[in-house]
Amino acid sequence: MVKFIGTYEAKLDEKGRVVVPAAYKSLVSKYLGVEPGGEVSFVIKKDIYANCLNMFTYQQWDQESEQIRSRLNLFRRKDQEWYREYMMDRAMVTLDQKVGRIIIPKSLLERIGVKKEIVFFGNDFKIEIWAKENYGKNRINETDFESLTEELLG
């Protein structure tokens, strides 16, 4: 599994194209065994709790969605409605190997308030994409983080 680390700022062009950070591209190529010029696909989805997008390698998305689906009974209305809603607001994008760009759908960028600049944040198995203006606004303070750490891991 690819483990994304680091924070990078980037500018979108008028069509929603953005260059993926080189560090992320090399990780994907290395861990997925993609030959030079080979196709790399990502799934981008609006986060449930935060005002950001989550970008998964297609392989990671496949694992995540399979794990979620296995916990549901799609013959129950509530499960089916939840799963349908969860699967909305997502897109599959392909990395342009020449330039290293992806095109993020404008509807997804609008959902998180992107104007022109974004922040890529490597969050282990996924990459979070934030509007530059919003990145870091919802961080919890150090005392709350310590308390939460003790509660969850103590």
C-alpha atoms as a PDB file:
ATOM      1  CA  MET A   1       0.000   0.000   0.000  1.00  0.00           C
ATOM      2  CA  VAL A   2       1.218   3.487  -0.842  1.00  0.00           C
ATOM      3  CA  LYS A   3       1.820   5.755   2.174  1.00  0.00           C
ATOM      4  CA  PHE A   4       1.591   9.439   1.281  1.00  0.00           C
ATOM      5  CA  ILE A   5       3.572  11.929   3.380  1.00  0.00           C
ATOM      6  CA  GLY A   6       4.085  15.669   3.025  1.00  0.00           C
ATOM      7  CA  THR A   7       2.222  18.867   2.259  1.00  0.00           C
ATOM      8  CA  TYR A   8       2.437  20.630  -1.103  1.00  0.00           C
ATOM      9  CA  GLU A   9       0.761  23.718  -2.537  1.00  0.00           C
ATOM     10  CA  ALA A  10      -0.348  23.866  -6.162  1.00  0.00           C
ATOM     11  CA  LYS A  11      -2.242  26.140  -8.549  1.00  0.00           C
ATOM     12  CA  LEU A  12      -5.134  25.020 -10.710  1.00  0.00           C
ATOM     13  CA  ASP A  13      -5.531  26.207 -14.253  1.00  0.00           C
ATOM     14  CA  GLU A  14      -8.887  27.402 -15.641  1.00  0.00           C
ATOM     15  CA  LYS A  15      -9.880  23.819 -16.588  1.00  0.00           C
ATOM     16  CA  GLY A  16      -9.232  22.392 -13.125  1.00  0.00           C
ATOM     17  CA  ARG A  17      -5.931  20.796 -14.106  1.00  0.00           C
ATOM     18  CA  VAL A  18      -3.214  20.555 -11.495  1.00  0.00           C
ATOM     19  CA  VAL A  19       0.219  18.976 -11.400  1.00  0.00           C
ATOM     20  CA  VAL A  20       0.436  16.184  -8.817  1.00  0.00           C
ATOM     21  CA  PRO A  21       3.477  16.598  -6.543  1.00  0.00           C
ATOM     22  CA  ALA A  22       6.497  14.675  -7.853  1.00  0.00           C
ATOM     23  CA  ALA A  23       6.958  12.903  -4.506  1.00  0.00           C
ATOM     24  CA  TYR A  24       3.466  11.399  -4.773  1.00  0.00           C
ATOM     25  CA  LYS A  25       3.915  10.407  -8.424  1.00  0.00           C
ATOM     26  CA  SER A  26       7.145   8.553  -7.697  1.00  0.00           C
ATOM     27  CA  LEU A  27       5.573   6.735  -4.725  1.00  0.00           C
ATOM     28  CA  VAL A  28       2.643   5.589  -6.842  1.00  0.00           C
ATOM     29  CA  SER A  29       4.910   4.390  -9.632  1.00  0.00           C
ATOM     30  CA  LYS A  30       7.194   2.562  -7.208  1.00  0.00           C
ATOM     31  CA  TYR A  31       4.563   0.837  -5.076  1.00  0.00           C
ATOM     32  CA  LEU A  32       2.092   0.061  -7.836  1.00  0.00           C
ATOM     33  CA  GLY A  33       4.762  -1.085 -10.261  1.00  0.00           C
ATOM     34  CA  VAL A  34       3.672   1.319 -12.983  1.00  0.00           C
ATOM     35  CA  GLU A  35       5.982   1.357 -15.975  1.00  0.00           C
ATOM     36  CA  PRO A  36       7.045   4.763 -17.359  1.00  0.00           C
ATOM     37  CA  GLY A  37       4.146   6.043 -19.442  1.00  0.00           C
ATOM     38  CA  GLY A  38       1.743   3.571 -17.775  1.00  0.00           C
ATOM     39  CA  GLU A  39      -1.701   4.623 -16.626  1.00  0.00           C
ATOM     40  CA  VAL A  40      -2.339   5.617 -13.021  1.00  0.00           C
ATOM     41  CA  SER A  41      -5.907   6.193 -11.860  1.00  0.00           C
ATOM     42  CA  PHE A  42      -7.171   7.851  -8.717  1.00  0.00           C
ATOM     43  CA  VAL A  43     -10.606   8.176  -7.156  1.00  0.00           C
ATOM     44  CA  ILE A  44     -11.429  11.582  -5.685  1.00  0.00           C
ATOM     45  CA  LYS A  45     -14.286  11.908  -3.218  1.00  0.00           C
ATOM     46  CA  LYS A  46     -15.659  14.558  -0.907  1.00  0.00           C
ATOM     47  CA  ASP A  47     -14.740  13.807   2.719  1.00  0.00           C
ATOM     48  CA  ILE A  48     -17.672  13.055   5.045  1.00  0.00           C
ATOM     49  CA  TYR A  49     -16.496  15.164   8.004  1.00  0.00           C
ATOM     50  CA  ALA A  50     -13.973  17.679   6.684  1.00  0.00           C
ATOM     51  CA  ASN A  51     -14.264  20.312   3.965  1.00  0.00           C
ATOM     52  CA  CYS A  52     -11.730  18.592   1.730  1.00  0.00           C
ATOM     53  CA  LEU A  53     -11.474  15.968  -0.998  1.00  0.00           C
ATOM     54  CA  ASN A  54      -9.888  12.573  -0.493  1.00  0.00           C
ATOM     55  CA  MET A  55      -7.794  11.160  -3.314  1.00  0.00           C
ATOM     56  CA  PHE A  56      -7.122   7.414  -3.290  1.00  0.00           C
ATOM     57  CA  THR A  57      -5.187   5.273  -5.714  1.00  0.00           C
ATOM     58  CA  TYR A  58      -7.743   3.177  -7.566  1.00  0.00           C
ATOM     59  CA  GLN A  59      -6.394   0.071  -5.822  1.00  0.00           C
ATOM     60  CA  GLN A  60      -6.840   1.642  -2.382  1.00  0.00           C
ATOM     61  CA  TRP A  61     -10.337   2.856  -3.268  1.00  0.00           C
ATOM     62  CA  ASP A  62     -11.253  -0.663  -4.376  1.00  0.00           C
ATOM     63  CA  GLN A  63     -10.166  -2.026  -0.987  1.00  0.00           C
ATOM     64  CA  GLU A  64     -11.910   0.744   0.964  1.00  0.00           C
ATOM     65  CA  SER A  65     -15.224   0.464  -0.872  1.00  0.00           C
ATOM     66  CA  GLU A  66     -15.184  -3.344  -0.616  1.00  0.00           C
ATOM     67  CA  GLN A  67     -14.587  -3.127   3.125  1.00  0.00           C
ATOM     68  CA  ILE A  68     -17.452  -0.653   3.549  1.00  0.00           C
ATOM     69  CA  ARG A  69     -19.843  -2.648   1.365  1.00  0.00           C
ATOM     70  CA  SER A  70     -19.074  -5.823   3.344  1.00  0.00           C
ATOM     71  CA  ARG A  71     -20.383  -4.121   6.501  1.00  0.00           C
ATOM     72  CA  LEU A  72     -23.739  -3.286   4.927  1.00  0.00           C
ATOM     73  CA  ASN A  73     -26.837  -5.236   4.016  1.00  0.00           C
ATOM     74  CA  LEU A  74     -27.902  -3.711   0.703  1.00  0.00           C
ATOM     75  CA  PHE A  75     -31.326  -5.356   1.070  1.00  0.00           C
ATOM     76  CA  ARG A  76     -32.057  -2.940   3.935  1.00  0.00           C
ATOM     77  CA  ARG A  77     -33.307   0.426   2.747  1.00  0.00           C
ATOM     78  CA  LYS A  78     -31.239   2.446   5.235  1.00  0.00           C
ATOM     79  CA  ASP A  79     -28.009   0.690   4.225  1.00  0.00           C
ATOM     80  CA  GLN A  80     -28.758   1.103   0.534  1.00  0.00           C
ATOM     81  CA  GLU A  81     -29.603   4.793   0.908  1.00  0.00           C
ATOM     82  CA  TRP A  82     -26.453   5.430   2.926  1.00  0.00           C
ATOM     83  CA  TYR A  83     -24.270   3.559   0.424  1.00  0.00           C
ATOM     84  CA  ARG A  84     -25.764   5.446  -2.517  1.00  0.00           C
ATOM     85  CA  GLU A  85     -25.087   8.767  -0.797  1.00  0.00           C
ATOM     86  CA  TYR A  86     -21.565   7.674   0.099  1.00  0.00           C
ATOM     87  CA  MET A  87     -20.831   6.774  -3.515  1.00  0.00           C
ATOM     88  CA  MET A  88     -21.980  10.175  -4.816  1.00  0.00           C
ATOM     89  CA  ASP A  89     -19.653  13.141  -5.277  1.00  0.00           C
ATOM     90  CA  ARG A  90     -16.706  11.120  -6.506  1.00  0.00           C
ATOM     91  CA  ALA A  91     -14.755  10.954  -9.730  1.00  0.00           C
ATOM     92  CA  MET A  92     -12.098   8.804 -11.297  1.00  0.00           C
ATOM     93  CA  VAL A  93      -9.154  10.742 -12.695  1.00  0.00           C
ATOM     94  CA  THR A  94      -6.158   9.559 -14.656  1.00  0.00           C
ATOM     95  CA  LEU A  95      -2.681  10.949 -14.243  1.00  0.00           C
ATOM     96  CA  ASP A  96      -1.321  12.468 -17.452  1.00  0.00           C
ATOM     97  CA  GLN A  97       2.101  10.814 -17.507  1.00  0.00           C
ATOM     98  CA  LYS A  98       3.705  13.443 -19.763  1.00  0.00           C
ATOM     99  CA  VAL A  99       3.055  16.444 -17.560  1.00  0.00           C
ATOM    100  CA  GLY A 100       1.944  14.724 -14.353  1.00  0.00           C
ATOM    101  CA  ARG A 101      -1.438  16.449 -14.195  1.00  0.00           C
ATOM    102  CA  ILE A 102      -4.914  15.396 -13.202  1.00  0.00           C
ATOM    103  CA  ILE A 103      -8.190  17.167 -13.918  1.00  0.00           C
ATOM    104  CA  ILE A 104     -10.333  17.596 -10.819  1.00  0.00           C
ATOM    105  CA  PRO A 105     -14.014  18.100 -11.688  1.00  0.00           C
ATOM    106  CA  LYS A 106     -15.156  21.660 -11.003  1.00  0.00           C
ATOM    107  CA  SER A 107     -18.189  20.395  -9.076  1.00  0.00           C
ATOM    108  CA  LEU A 108     -15.889  18.760  -6.517  1.00  0.00           C
ATOM    109  CA  LEU A 109     -13.635  21.818  -6.298  1.00  0.00           C
ATOM    110  CA  GLU A 110     -16.690  24.027  -5.732  1.00  0.00           C
ATOM    111  CA  ARG A 111     -17.896  21.732  -2.910  1.00  0.00           C
ATOM    112  CA  ILE A 112     -14.770  22.563  -0.889  1.00  0.00           C
ATOM    113  CA  GLY A 113     -14.522  26.241  -1.874  1.00  0.00           C
ATOM    114  CA  VAL A 114     -11.444  26.149  -4.102  1.00  0.00           C
ATOM    115  CA  LYS A 115     -10.729  29.392  -5.911  1.00  0.00           C
ATOM    116  CA  LYS A 116      -7.315  28.959  -7.537  1.00  0.00           C
ATOM    117  CA  GLU A 117      -4.898  27.273  -5.150  1.00  0.00           C
ATOM    118  CA  ILE A 118      -5.004  23.956  -3.341  1.00  0.00           C
ATOM    119  CA  VAL A 119      -2.976  22.066  -0.776  1.00  0.00           C
ATOM    120  CA  PHE A 120      -2.148  18.384  -1.190  1.00  0.00           C
ATOM    121  CA  PHE A 121      -1.785  16.776   2.242  1.00  0.00           C
ATOM    122  CA  GLY A 122      -0.417  13.220   2.390  1.00  0.00           C
ATOM    123  CA  ASN A 123      -2.513  11.468   5.017  1.00  0.00           C
ATOM    124  CA  ASP A 124      -1.076   7.945   5.000  1.00  0.00           C
ATOM    125  CA  PHE A 125      -3.189   5.839   2.574  1.00  0.00           C
ATOM    126  CA  LYS A 126      -4.850   8.848   0.925  1.00  0.00           C
ATOM    127  CA  ILE A 127      -4.125  12.381  -0.197  1.00  0.00           C
ATOM    128  CA  GLU A 128      -6.355  15.146   1.118  1.00  0.00           C
ATOM    129  CA  ILE A 129      -6.990  18.080  -1.210  1.00  0.00           C
ATOM    130  CA  TRP A 130      -7.858  21.360   0.507  1.00  0.00           C
ATOM    131  CA  ALA A 131      -8.701  24.858  -0.664  1.00  0.00           C
ATOM    132  CA  LYS A 132      -5.552  26.748   0.332  1.00  0.00           C
ATOM    133  CA  GLU A 133      -7.611  29.214   2.387  1.00  0.00           C
ATOM    134  CA  ASN A 134      -9.131  26.400   4.476  1.00  0.00           C
ATOM    135  CA  TYR A 135      -6.129  24.166   5.059  1.00  0.00           C
ATOM    136  CA  GLY A 136      -5.285  23.924   8.751  1.00  0.00           C
ATOM    137  CA  LYS A 137      -8.288  25.944   9.953  1.00  0.00           C
ATOM    138  CA  ASN A 138      -9.899  23.013  11.768  1.00  0.00           C
ATOM    139  CA  ARG A 139      -6.855  21.734  13.613  1.00  0.00           C
ATOM    140  CA  ILE A 140      -7.440  20.893  17.229  1.00  0.00           C
ATOM    141  CA  ASN A 141      -5.294  22.584  19.841  1.00  0.00           C
ATOM    142  CA  GLU A 142      -2.415  20.746  21.504  1.00  0.00           C
ATOM    143  CA  THR A 143      -4.219  20.147  24.806  1.00  0.00           C
ATOM    144  CA  ASP A 144      -7.269  18.659  23.074  1.00  0.00           C
ATOM    145  CA  PHE A 145      -4.978  16.517  20.904  1.00  0.00           C
ATOM    146  CA  GLU A 146      -3.205  15.173  23.986  1.00  0.00           C
ATOM    147  CA  SER A 147      -6.542  14.369  25.671  1.00  0.00           C
ATOM    148  CA  LEU A 148      -7.879  12.696  22.563  1.00  0.00           C
ATOM    149  CA  THR A 149      -4.674  10.682  22.175  1.00  0.00           C
ATOM    150  CA  GLU A 150      -4.983   9.438  25.740  1.00  0.00           C
ATOM    151  CA  GLU A 151      -8.676   8.612  25.259  1.00  0.00           C
ATOM    152  CA  LEU A 152      -8.184   6.720  21.988  1.00  0.00           C
ATOM    153  CA  LEU A 153      -4.822   5.080  22.584  1.00  0.00           C
ATOM    154  CA  GLY A 154      -4.256   5.367  26.334  1.00  0.00           C
END
